[in-house]
Amino acid sequence: MVLPKLDKQEKQRIALSIVGVLFLAFVYYQYFMKPTWRKINQNRAKIIELTQKLNELKKMSVRIEALKAETQAVETNWRSLETKLPKSRDLPKILDTIATLAEKNKIELNSISPQGVKSDAPLYSEYSFGLSISGSYHDIALFLTELGHAQRLFHSKDLNLSARQAPAINPEANVNATLTVVAFEYKGS
């Protein structure tokens, strides 16, 4: 391919056009492209930073939800424990519970005698009552089971069983029992 011969003026125009195009490309790069790329890179860095913060916040959110659920479970458990281990002695309610359960299970409640308070545990006090009861072996067992499952926390100990002559009105009540029933009171921390 043969190039046409150019005179000096045409060569200057071509050179000036090339320099002009290069100058425009430099100005375009320097004032438009370079700042745009810088903003793009800054925005990418911000996106990465914000994505990391968002992921951390999502993890915290999951932990917060788990902690809320755990807190709710602990509060529910605490309310349940407060009924089992109340903050007040409420002796009439304790005696009423024992009497009601005895009657429900066909137990003759011969005597209840307070045996004092033991408060050497740091969080609770123990109120002991001596019981003398009569009934059938199975009725006594049912009474003790229901006492153990009562709304308030009770503990029975020192159980002594002995045979007795069954009364005519209740021939199945052929067992005498003596035991200690302990009721608990929460002292607080």
N, C-alpha and C. Protein backbone atom coordinates (compact mmCIF):
# COMPACT_ATOMS: atom_id res chain seq x y z
N MET A 1 0.83 -1.16 0.00
CA MET A 1 0.00 0.00 0.00
C MET A 1 0.89 1.25 0.00
N VAL A 2 0.52 2.17 -0.81
CA VAL A 2 1.33 3.38 -1.00
C VAL A 2 0.60 4.53 -0.34
N LEU A 3 1.29 5.27 0.50
CA LEU A 3 0.70 6.42 1.15
C LEU A 3 0.89 7.65 0.27
N PRO A 4 -0.14 8.50 0.25
CA PRO A 4 0.03 9.70 -0.56
C PRO A 4 1.02 10.65 0.09
N LYS A 5 1.63 11.42 -0.67
CA LYS A 5 2.59 12.39 -0.17
C LYS A 5 1.84 13.57 0.39
N LEU A 6 2.26 13.95 1.60
CA LEU A 6 1.59 15.05 2.27
C LEU A 6 2.53 16.25 2.33
N ASP A 7 1.96 17.39 2.14
CA ASP A 7 2.80 18.58 2.27
C ASP A 7 2.95 18.93 3.74
N LYS A 8 3.73 19.92 4.03
CA LYS A 8 4.10 20.27 5.39
C LYS A 8 2.88 20.71 6.20
N GLN A 9 2.01 21.47 5.61
CA GLN A 9 0.82 21.97 6.28
C GLN A 9 -0.11 20.82 6.67
N GLU A 10 -0.27 19.87 5.82
CA GLU A 10 -1.14 18.72 6.11
C GLU A 10 -0.53 17.88 7.23
N LYS A 11 0.81 17.75 7.19
CA LYS A 11 1.49 17.00 8.25
C LYS A 11 1.29 17.69 9.60
N GLN A 12 1.35 19.04 9.59
CA GLN A 12 1.16 19.79 10.85
C GLN A 12 -0.27 19.62 11.35
N ARG A 13 -1.23 19.64 10.45
CA ARG A 13 -2.62 19.46 10.86
C ARG A 13 -2.84 18.08 11.47
N ILE A 14 -2.25 17.08 10.83
CA ILE A 14 -2.39 15.70 11.35
C ILE A 14 -1.72 15.61 12.73
N ALA A 15 -0.52 16.16 12.84
CA ALA A 15 0.20 16.13 14.12
C ALA A 15 -0.59 16.89 15.18
N LEU A 16 -1.10 18.07 14.80
CA LEU A 16 -1.89 18.85 15.73
C LEU A 16 -3.17 18.11 16.12
N SER A 17 -3.79 17.41 15.21
CA SER A 17 -4.98 16.61 15.51
C SER A 17 -4.65 15.48 16.47
N ILE A 18 -3.51 14.82 16.24
CA ILE A 18 -3.09 13.72 17.13
C ILE A 18 -2.81 14.28 18.53
N VAL A 19 -2.09 15.42 18.59
CA VAL A 19 -1.80 16.03 19.88
C VAL A 19 -3.11 16.47 20.55
N GLY A 20 -4.04 17.01 19.78
CA GLY A 20 -5.32 17.43 20.33
C GLY A 20 -6.11 16.25 20.88
N VAL A 21 -6.12 15.15 20.10
CA VAL A 21 -6.82 13.94 20.57
C VAL A 21 -6.16 13.41 21.83
N LEU A 22 -4.83 13.38 21.86
CA LEU A 22 -4.12 12.91 23.05
C LEU A 22 -4.39 13.83 24.25
N PHE A 23 -4.44 15.15 24.01
CA PHE A 23 -4.73 16.09 25.07
C PHE A 23 -6.14 15.88 25.61
N LEU A 24 -7.10 15.72 24.70
CA LEU A 24 -8.47 15.47 25.12
C LEU A 24 -8.58 14.14 25.90
N ALA A 25 -7.84 13.12 25.41
CA ALA A 25 -7.84 11.83 26.13
C ALA A 25 -7.25 12.00 27.53
N PHE A 26 -6.14 12.77 27.64
CA PHE A 26 -5.53 13.01 28.94
C PHE A 26 -6.48 13.76 29.87
N VAL A 27 -7.10 14.83 29.35
CA VAL A 27 -8.04 15.62 30.16
C VAL A 27 -9.22 14.74 30.58
N TYR A 28 -9.75 13.97 29.64
CA TYR A 28 -10.87 13.06 29.95
C TYR A 28 -10.46 12.07 31.03
N TYR A 29 -9.26 11.47 30.87
CA TYR A 29 -8.79 10.50 31.87
C TYR A 29 -8.58 11.18 33.22
N GLN A 30 -7.86 12.35 33.20
CA GLN A 30 -7.48 13.01 34.44
C GLN A 30 -8.68 13.55 35.20
N TYR A 31 -9.64 14.13 34.51
CA TYR A 31 -10.73 14.82 35.20
C TYR A 31 -12.05 14.06 35.24
N PHE A 32 -12.17 13.01 34.46
CA PHE A 32 -13.43 12.27 34.47
C PHE A 32 -13.22 10.80 34.88
N MET A 33 -12.32 10.12 34.18
CA MET A 33 -12.14 8.69 34.46
C MET A 33 -11.46 8.43 35.81
N LYS A 34 -10.36 9.12 36.07
CA LYS A 34 -9.61 8.89 37.30
C LYS A 34 -10.46 9.16 38.54
N PRO A 35 -11.18 10.31 38.62
CA PRO A 35 -12.05 10.53 39.79
C PRO A 35 -13.18 9.51 39.88
N THR A 36 -13.71 9.09 38.74
CA THR A 36 -14.79 8.10 38.74
C THR A 36 -14.27 6.77 39.27
N TRP A 37 -13.09 6.35 38.81
CA TRP A 37 -12.52 5.10 39.32
C TRP A 37 -12.21 5.19 40.81
N ARG A 38 -11.71 6.38 41.21
CA ARG A 38 -11.43 6.58 42.64
C ARG A 38 -12.72 6.43 43.44
N LYS A 39 -13.81 7.03 42.98
CA LYS A 39 -15.10 6.91 43.66
C LYS A 39 -15.59 5.47 43.64
N ILE A 40 -15.41 4.81 42.51
CA ILE A 40 -15.81 3.39 42.42
C ILE A 40 -15.04 2.57 43.44
N ASN A 41 -13.72 2.79 43.53
CA ASN A 41 -12.91 2.03 44.50
C ASN A 41 -13.30 2.38 45.94
N GLN A 42 -13.59 3.68 46.18
CA GLN A 42 -14.03 4.07 47.53
C GLN A 42 -15.37 3.43 47.85
N ASN A 43 -16.27 3.42 46.89
CA ASN A 43 -17.57 2.79 47.11
C ASN A 43 -17.44 1.30 47.31
N ARG A 44 -16.54 0.65 46.58
CA ARG A 44 -16.31 -0.79 46.79
C ARG A 44 -15.81 -1.04 48.21
N ALA A 45 -14.86 -0.19 48.65
CA ALA A 45 -14.34 -0.34 50.01
C ALA A 45 -15.46 -0.13 51.04
N LYS A 46 -16.33 0.88 50.79
CA LYS A 46 -17.45 1.12 51.70
C LYS A 46 -18.42 -0.06 51.69
N ILE A 47 -18.66 -0.61 50.50
CA ILE A 47 -19.56 -1.76 50.39
C ILE A 47 -19.00 -2.94 51.18
N ILE A 48 -17.71 -3.19 51.04
CA ILE A 48 -17.08 -4.29 51.78
C ILE A 48 -17.18 -4.04 53.28
N GLU A 49 -16.87 -2.80 53.69
CA GLU A 49 -16.94 -2.46 55.12
C GLU A 49 -18.36 -2.59 55.65
N LEU A 50 -19.32 -2.06 54.91
CA LEU A 50 -20.71 -2.13 55.36
C LEU A 50 -21.24 -3.56 55.34
N THR A 51 -20.80 -4.36 54.38
CA THR A 51 -21.21 -5.77 54.34
C THR A 51 -20.68 -6.50 55.57
N GLN A 52 -19.42 -6.21 55.94
CA GLN A 52 -18.86 -6.83 57.15
C GLN A 52 -19.64 -6.40 58.39
N LYS A 53 -19.96 -5.09 58.47
CA LYS A 53 -20.74 -4.61 59.62
C LYS A 53 -22.12 -5.24 59.64
N LEU A 54 -22.73 -5.36 58.46
CA LEU A 54 -24.05 -5.97 58.38
C LEU A 54 -24.01 -7.42 58.83
N ASN A 55 -22.97 -8.16 58.41
CA ASN A 55 -22.83 -9.56 58.84
C ASN A 55 -22.64 -9.66 60.35
N GLU A 56 -21.84 -8.74 60.91
CA GLU A 56 -21.65 -8.73 62.36
C GLU A 56 -22.96 -8.44 63.08
N LEU A 57 -23.72 -7.46 62.54
CA LEU A 57 -25.00 -7.12 63.15
C LEU A 57 -26.00 -8.26 63.03
N LYS A 58 -25.96 -8.99 61.91
CA LYS A 58 -26.84 -10.15 61.76
C LYS A 58 -26.49 -11.20 62.81
N LYS A 59 -25.18 -11.44 63.00
CA LYS A 59 -24.75 -12.41 64.02
C LYS A 59 -25.20 -11.94 65.41
N MET A 60 -25.06 -10.63 65.67
CA MET A 60 -25.49 -10.10 66.96
C MET A 60 -27.00 -10.24 67.10
N SER A 61 -27.72 -10.01 66.01
CA SER A 61 -29.17 -10.13 66.04
C SER A 61 -29.59 -11.55 66.39
N VAL A 62 -28.90 -12.52 65.80
CA VAL A 62 -29.20 -13.93 66.11
C VAL A 62 -28.90 -14.19 67.58
N ARG A 63 -27.75 -13.67 68.07
CA ARG A 63 -27.41 -13.86 69.48
C ARG A 63 -28.43 -13.17 70.38
N ILE A 64 -28.88 -11.99 69.97
CA ILE A 64 -29.87 -11.27 70.78
C ILE A 64 -31.16 -12.05 70.83
N GLU A 65 -31.60 -12.59 69.70
CA GLU A 65 -32.82 -13.39 69.69
C GLU A 65 -32.66 -14.63 70.57
N ALA A 66 -31.49 -15.26 70.49
CA ALA A 66 -31.25 -16.43 71.33
C ALA A 66 -31.24 -16.03 72.80
N LEU A 67 -30.63 -14.89 73.11
CA LEU A 67 -30.60 -14.41 74.50
C LEU A 67 -32.00 -14.04 74.98
N LYS A 68 -32.81 -13.46 74.09
CA LYS A 68 -34.19 -13.14 74.48
C LYS A 68 -34.96 -14.42 74.79
N ALA A 69 -34.79 -15.42 73.94
CA ALA A 69 -35.48 -16.69 74.17
C ALA A 69 -34.98 -17.33 75.47
N GLU A 70 -33.67 -17.27 75.68
CA GLU A 70 -33.12 -17.84 76.92
C GLU A 70 -33.61 -17.07 78.14
N THR A 71 -33.67 -15.74 78.03
CA THR A 71 -34.17 -14.92 79.12
C THR A 71 -35.62 -15.25 79.44
N GLN A 72 -36.41 -15.41 78.39
CA GLN A 72 -37.82 -15.75 78.59
C GLN A 72 -37.95 -17.12 79.26
N ALA A 73 -37.13 -18.08 78.84
CA ALA A 73 -37.18 -19.41 79.45
C ALA A 73 -36.76 -19.34 80.93
N VAL A 74 -35.74 -18.54 81.21
CA VAL A 74 -35.28 -18.40 82.60
C VAL A 74 -36.36 -17.71 83.44
N GLU A 75 -37.01 -16.68 82.87
CA GLU A 75 -38.08 -16.00 83.61
C GLU A 75 -39.25 -16.94 83.88
N THR A 76 -39.60 -17.76 82.90
CA THR A 76 -40.68 -18.73 83.09
C THR A 76 -40.29 -19.73 84.17
N ASN A 77 -39.07 -20.21 84.10
CA ASN A 77 -38.57 -21.15 85.10
C ASN A 77 -38.55 -20.49 86.48
N TRP A 78 -38.15 -19.21 86.53
CA TRP A 78 -38.13 -18.49 87.80
C TRP A 78 -39.53 -18.37 88.39
N ARG A 79 -40.51 -18.03 87.55
CA ARG A 79 -41.89 -17.93 88.05
C ARG A 79 -42.37 -19.28 88.59
N SER A 80 -42.01 -20.34 87.89
CA SER A 80 -42.37 -21.68 88.35
C SER A 80 -41.71 -21.99 89.70
N LEU A 81 -40.45 -21.61 89.81
CA LEU A 81 -39.74 -21.85 91.07
C LEU A 81 -40.30 -20.99 92.20
N GLU A 82 -40.76 -19.79 91.88
CA GLU A 82 -41.34 -18.94 92.92
C GLU A 82 -42.59 -19.55 93.53
N THR A 83 -43.36 -20.31 92.72
CA THR A 83 -44.53 -20.97 93.30
C THR A 83 -44.11 -22.18 94.12
N LYS A 84 -43.04 -22.86 93.68
CA LYS A 84 -42.55 -24.00 94.44
C LYS A 84 -41.83 -23.57 95.71
N LEU A 85 -41.14 -22.45 95.64
CA LEU A 85 -40.34 -21.96 96.75
C LEU A 85 -40.68 -20.48 97.00
N PRO A 86 -41.86 -20.23 97.61
CA PRO A 86 -42.31 -18.84 97.78
C PRO A 86 -41.44 -18.08 98.78
N LYS A 87 -41.59 -16.76 98.75
CA LYS A 87 -40.82 -15.89 99.63
C LYS A 87 -41.48 -15.70 100.99
N SER A 88 -42.67 -16.24 101.16
CA SER A 88 -43.37 -16.07 102.44
C SER A 88 -43.63 -17.43 103.08
N ARG A 89 -43.70 -17.43 104.38
CA ARG A 89 -43.92 -18.67 105.13
C ARG A 89 -45.34 -19.17 104.92
N ASP A 90 -46.33 -18.36 105.10
CA ASP A 90 -47.74 -18.66 104.89
C ASP A 90 -48.14 -20.01 105.51
N LEU A 91 -47.97 -20.11 106.83
CA LEU A 91 -48.28 -21.35 107.56
C LEU A 91 -49.71 -21.84 107.35
N PRO A 92 -50.73 -20.96 107.35
CA PRO A 92 -52.08 -21.48 107.12
C PRO A 92 -52.22 -22.20 105.78
N LYS A 93 -51.56 -21.68 104.74
CA LYS A 93 -51.64 -22.33 103.43
C LYS A 93 -50.91 -23.67 103.44
N ILE A 94 -49.78 -23.74 104.14
CA ILE A 94 -49.05 -25.01 104.25
C ILE A 94 -49.92 -26.05 104.95
N LEU A 95 -50.51 -25.68 106.08
CA LEU A 95 -51.35 -26.62 106.83
C LEU A 95 -52.60 -26.99 106.04
N ASP A 96 -53.17 -26.03 105.33
CA ASP A 96 -54.34 -26.31 104.51
C ASP A 96 -54.00 -27.29 103.38
N THR A 97 -52.84 -27.13 102.76
CA THR A 97 -52.41 -28.06 101.70
C THR A 97 -52.27 -29.47 102.25
N ILE A 98 -51.62 -29.60 103.40
CA ILE A 98 -51.45 -30.93 104.00
C ILE A 98 -52.81 -31.53 104.34
N ALA A 99 -53.69 -30.75 104.96
CA ALA A 99 -55.01 -31.25 105.35
C ALA A 99 -55.85 -31.62 104.13
N THR A 100 -55.82 -30.80 103.09
CA THR A 100 -56.60 -31.06 101.88
C THR A 100 -56.12 -32.34 101.19
N LEU A 101 -54.80 -32.49 101.08
CA LEU A 101 -54.28 -33.70 100.44
C LEU A 101 -54.57 -34.95 101.28
N ALA A 102 -54.53 -34.81 102.60
CA ALA A 102 -54.86 -35.95 103.46
C ALA A 102 -56.32 -36.35 103.26
N GLU A 103 -57.21 -35.38 103.26
CA GLU A 103 -58.63 -35.69 103.06
C GLU A 103 -58.88 -36.29 101.68
N LYS A 104 -58.25 -35.75 100.68
CA LYS A 104 -58.43 -36.24 99.30
C LYS A 104 -58.00 -37.70 99.17
N ASN A 105 -56.97 -38.09 99.92
CA ASN A 105 -56.44 -39.45 99.81
C ASN A 105 -56.91 -40.37 100.95
N LYS A 106 -57.99 -40.00 101.62
CA LYS A 106 -58.61 -40.81 102.67
C LYS A 106 -57.63 -41.12 103.81
N ILE A 107 -56.85 -40.11 104.20
CA ILE A 107 -55.89 -40.24 105.28
C ILE A 107 -56.46 -39.56 106.52
N GLU A 108 -56.38 -40.25 107.66
CA GLU A 108 -56.76 -39.63 108.93
C GLU A 108 -55.55 -38.86 109.44
N LEU A 109 -55.72 -37.59 109.62
CA LEU A 109 -54.65 -36.73 110.11
C LEU A 109 -54.78 -36.69 111.63
N ASN A 110 -53.97 -37.50 112.32
CA ASN A 110 -54.07 -37.61 113.77
C ASN A 110 -53.47 -36.40 114.49
N SER A 111 -52.31 -35.95 114.02
CA SER A 111 -51.71 -34.77 114.65
C SER A 111 -50.70 -34.13 113.70
N ILE A 112 -50.57 -32.81 113.86
CA ILE A 112 -49.53 -32.03 113.17
C ILE A 112 -48.84 -31.22 114.25
N SER A 113 -47.54 -31.35 114.32
CA SER A 113 -46.81 -30.59 115.34
C SER A 113 -45.61 -29.87 114.69
N PRO A 114 -45.58 -28.55 114.84
CA PRO A 114 -44.43 -27.80 114.30
C PRO A 114 -43.15 -28.25 115.00
N GLN A 115 -42.09 -28.40 114.21
CA GLN A 115 -40.82 -28.85 114.78
C GLN A 115 -39.71 -27.81 114.64
N GLY A 116 -40.07 -26.62 114.22
CA GLY A 116 -39.09 -25.54 114.19
C GLY A 116 -38.63 -25.17 112.79
N VAL A 117 -37.76 -24.18 112.78
CA VAL A 117 -37.24 -23.63 111.54
C VAL A 117 -35.74 -23.88 111.48
N LYS A 118 -35.30 -24.31 110.33
CA LYS A 118 -33.87 -24.52 110.09
C LYS A 118 -33.50 -23.56 108.95
N SER A 119 -32.58 -22.63 109.22
CA SER A 119 -32.26 -21.64 108.20
C SER A 119 -30.76 -21.51 107.97
N ASP A 120 -30.04 -22.62 108.02
CA ASP A 120 -28.60 -22.54 107.80
C ASP A 120 -28.22 -22.57 106.32
N ALA A 121 -29.17 -22.83 105.44
CA ALA A 121 -28.89 -22.76 104.00
C ALA A 121 -28.93 -21.29 103.57
N PRO A 122 -28.08 -20.89 102.63
CA PRO A 122 -28.01 -19.47 102.29
C PRO A 122 -29.24 -18.92 101.54
N LEU A 123 -29.96 -19.76 100.80
CA LEU A 123 -31.04 -19.25 99.97
C LEU A 123 -32.44 -19.61 100.45
N TYR A 124 -32.56 -20.55 101.39
CA TYR A 124 -33.90 -20.96 101.80
C TYR A 124 -33.91 -21.35 103.28
N SER A 125 -35.11 -21.33 103.84
CA SER A 125 -35.34 -21.81 105.21
C SER A 125 -36.24 -23.04 105.13
N GLU A 126 -36.10 -23.93 106.10
CA GLU A 126 -36.90 -25.16 106.15
C GLU A 126 -37.82 -25.09 107.36
N TYR A 127 -39.11 -25.36 107.13
CA TYR A 127 -40.11 -25.42 108.21
C TYR A 127 -40.56 -26.85 108.32
N SER A 128 -40.25 -27.48 109.46
CA SER A 128 -40.57 -28.90 109.65
C SER A 128 -41.82 -29.08 110.49
N PHE A 129 -42.60 -30.10 110.11
CA PHE A 129 -43.83 -30.45 110.83
C PHE A 129 -43.82 -31.96 111.03
N GLY A 130 -44.08 -32.38 112.26
CA GLY A 130 -44.25 -33.79 112.53
C GLY A 130 -45.70 -34.18 112.24
N LEU A 131 -45.91 -35.26 111.50
CA LEU A 131 -47.26 -35.72 111.19
C LEU A 131 -47.45 -37.12 111.74
N SER A 132 -48.64 -37.34 112.26
CA SER A 132 -49.06 -38.68 112.63
C SER A 132 -50.34 -38.91 111.83
N ILE A 133 -50.31 -39.95 110.96
CA ILE A 133 -51.45 -40.19 110.07
C ILE A 133 -51.81 -41.67 110.10
N SER A 134 -53.01 -41.95 109.62
CA SER A 134 -53.48 -43.34 109.51
C SER A 134 -54.19 -43.50 108.18
N GLY A 135 -54.09 -44.69 107.63
CA GLY A 135 -54.77 -44.98 106.36
C GLY A 135 -54.26 -46.30 105.83
N SER A 136 -54.68 -46.62 104.63
CA SER A 136 -54.14 -47.84 104.01
C SER A 136 -52.75 -47.54 103.49
N TYR A 137 -52.00 -48.59 103.26
CA TYR A 137 -50.65 -48.44 102.73
C TYR A 137 -50.67 -47.65 101.42
N HIS A 138 -51.59 -48.00 100.52
CA HIS A 138 -51.66 -47.34 99.22
C HIS A 138 -52.12 -45.89 99.35
N ASP A 139 -53.06 -45.62 100.26
CA ASP A 139 -53.52 -44.24 100.45
C ASP A 139 -52.39 -43.37 101.00
N ILE A 140 -51.61 -43.92 101.91
CA ILE A 140 -50.45 -43.17 102.44
C ILE A 140 -49.45 -42.90 101.31
N ALA A 141 -49.21 -43.89 100.48
CA ALA A 141 -48.29 -43.70 99.35
C ALA A 141 -48.81 -42.63 98.39
N LEU A 142 -50.10 -42.64 98.10
CA LEU A 142 -50.69 -41.62 97.23
C LEU A 142 -50.60 -40.23 97.86
N PHE A 143 -50.84 -40.15 99.16
CA PHE A 143 -50.74 -38.88 99.87
C PHE A 143 -49.32 -38.32 99.76
N LEU A 144 -48.31 -39.15 99.98
CA LEU A 144 -46.92 -38.70 99.90
C LEU A 144 -46.55 -38.30 98.47
N THR A 145 -47.08 -39.03 97.50
CA THR A 145 -46.82 -38.69 96.09
C THR A 145 -47.41 -37.34 95.76
N GLU A 146 -48.65 -37.12 96.14
CA GLU A 146 -49.29 -35.83 95.84
C GLU A 146 -48.64 -34.69 96.61
N LEU A 147 -48.18 -34.97 97.81
CA LEU A 147 -47.47 -33.96 98.58
C LEU A 147 -46.17 -33.57 97.85
N GLY A 148 -45.51 -34.55 97.28
CA GLY A 148 -44.29 -34.28 96.51
C GLY A 148 -44.54 -33.53 95.22
N HIS A 149 -45.76 -33.61 94.70
CA HIS A 149 -46.11 -32.92 93.45
C HIS A 149 -46.97 -31.68 93.70
N ALA A 150 -47.08 -31.26 94.95
CA ALA A 150 -47.90 -30.09 95.28
C ALA A 150 -47.29 -28.83 94.67
N GLN A 151 -48.09 -27.78 94.60
CA GLN A 151 -47.63 -26.52 94.01
C GLN A 151 -46.43 -25.97 94.78
N ARG A 152 -46.46 -26.08 96.08
CA ARG A 152 -45.33 -25.66 96.91
C ARG A 152 -44.39 -26.84 97.10
N LEU A 153 -43.13 -26.58 97.28
CA LEU A 153 -42.13 -27.63 97.45
C LEU A 153 -42.19 -28.19 98.86
N PHE A 154 -42.47 -29.51 98.96
CA PHE A 154 -42.48 -30.22 100.23
C PHE A 154 -41.51 -31.39 100.13
N HIS A 155 -40.98 -31.76 101.28
CA HIS A 155 -40.09 -32.92 101.36
C HIS A 155 -40.54 -33.74 102.57
N SER A 156 -40.68 -35.02 102.38
CA SER A 156 -41.04 -35.87 103.53
C SER A 156 -39.85 -36.74 103.88
N LYS A 157 -39.68 -36.98 105.17
CA LYS A 157 -38.54 -37.79 105.63
C LYS A 157 -38.92 -38.47 106.94
N ASP A 158 -38.07 -39.34 107.37
CA ASP A 158 -38.25 -40.07 108.63
C ASP A 158 -39.59 -40.79 108.70
N LEU A 159 -39.97 -41.46 107.64
CA LEU A 159 -41.25 -42.17 107.59
C LEU A 159 -41.15 -43.48 108.37
N ASN A 160 -42.06 -43.66 109.32
CA ASN A 160 -42.16 -44.91 110.08
C ASN A 160 -43.58 -45.44 109.93
N LEU A 161 -43.70 -46.67 109.46
CA LEU A 161 -45.00 -47.30 109.28
C LEU A 161 -45.17 -48.39 110.33
N SER A 162 -46.40 -48.53 110.83
CA SER A 162 -46.69 -49.61 111.77
C SER A 162 -48.13 -50.08 111.53
N ALA A 163 -48.35 -51.34 111.80
CA ALA A 163 -49.70 -51.90 111.62
C ALA A 163 -50.58 -51.43 112.77
N ARG A 164 -51.87 -51.36 112.51
CA ARG A 164 -52.81 -50.99 113.55
C ARG A 164 -54.10 -51.77 113.32
N GLN A 165 -54.90 -51.82 114.34
CA GLN A 165 -56.20 -52.45 114.24
C GLN A 165 -57.08 -51.52 113.41
N ALA A 166 -57.56 -52.00 112.29
CA ALA A 166 -58.39 -51.17 111.40
C ALA A 166 -59.71 -50.85 112.08
N PRO A 167 -60.14 -49.57 112.00
CA PRO A 167 -61.43 -49.21 112.60
C PRO A 167 -62.56 -49.76 111.75
N ALA A 168 -63.71 -49.91 112.37
CA ALA A 168 -64.87 -50.48 111.68
C ALA A 168 -65.36 -49.56 110.56
N ILE A 169 -65.21 -48.26 110.74
CA ILE A 169 -65.72 -47.34 109.71
C ILE A 169 -64.83 -47.32 108.46
N ASN A 170 -63.57 -47.69 108.59
CA ASN A 170 -62.66 -47.74 107.43
C ASN A 170 -61.73 -48.92 107.60
N PRO A 171 -62.17 -50.13 107.21
CA PRO A 171 -61.37 -51.32 107.46
C PRO A 171 -60.05 -51.35 106.70
N GLU A 172 -59.89 -50.52 105.66
CA GLU A 172 -58.62 -50.51 104.92
C GLU A 172 -57.56 -49.66 105.60
N ALA A 173 -57.94 -48.80 106.54
CA ALA A 173 -56.99 -47.91 107.22
C ALA A 173 -56.26 -48.69 108.29
N ASN A 174 -55.40 -49.60 107.86
CA ASN A 174 -54.73 -50.51 108.80
C ASN A 174 -53.26 -50.17 109.02
N VAL A 175 -52.84 -48.94 108.69
CA VAL A 175 -51.44 -48.54 108.85
C VAL A 175 -51.39 -47.19 109.56
N ASN A 176 -50.54 -47.13 110.59
CA ASN A 176 -50.20 -45.85 111.23
C ASN A 176 -48.86 -45.40 110.66
N ALA A 177 -48.71 -44.10 110.48
CA ALA A 177 -47.43 -43.58 109.97
C ALA A 177 -47.08 -42.31 110.72
N THR A 178 -45.82 -42.18 111.01
CA THR A 178 -45.29 -40.92 111.53
C THR A 178 -44.19 -40.49 110.55
N LEU A 179 -44.15 -39.21 110.30
CA LEU A 179 -43.15 -38.69 109.37
C LEU A 179 -42.93 -37.21 109.62
N THR A 180 -41.90 -36.69 109.03
CA THR A 180 -41.63 -35.26 109.08
C THR A 180 -41.82 -34.70 107.68
N VAL A 181 -42.61 -33.64 107.60
CA VAL A 181 -42.81 -32.93 106.32
C VAL A 181 -42.10 -31.59 106.45
N VAL A 182 -41.32 -31.28 105.42
CA VAL A 182 -40.56 -30.03 105.41
C VAL A 182 -41.08 -29.15 104.28
N ALA A 183 -41.43 -27.91 104.63
CA ALA A 183 -41.81 -26.91 103.63
C ALA A 183 -40.67 -25.90 103.55
N PHE A 184 -40.47 -25.34 102.38
CA PHE A 184 -39.33 -24.44 102.14
C PHE A 184 -39.81 -23.02 101.85
N GLU A 185 -38.96 -22.05 102.25
CA GLU A 185 -39.22 -20.64 101.99
C GLU A 185 -37.96 -20.02 101.40
N TYR A 186 -38.10 -19.28 100.33
CA TYR A 186 -36.98 -18.63 99.67
C TYR A 186 -36.57 -17.40 100.48
N LYS A 187 -35.31 -17.30 100.82
CA LYS A 187 -34.81 -16.15 101.59
C LYS A 187 -34.39 -15.00 100.69
N GLY A 188 -34.05 -15.30 99.48
CA GLY A 188 -33.51 -14.27 98.58
C GLY A 188 -32.00 -14.31 98.63
N SER A 189 -31.42 -13.56 97.69
CA SER A 189 -29.94 -13.56 97.65
C SER A 189 -29.37 -12.28 98.16
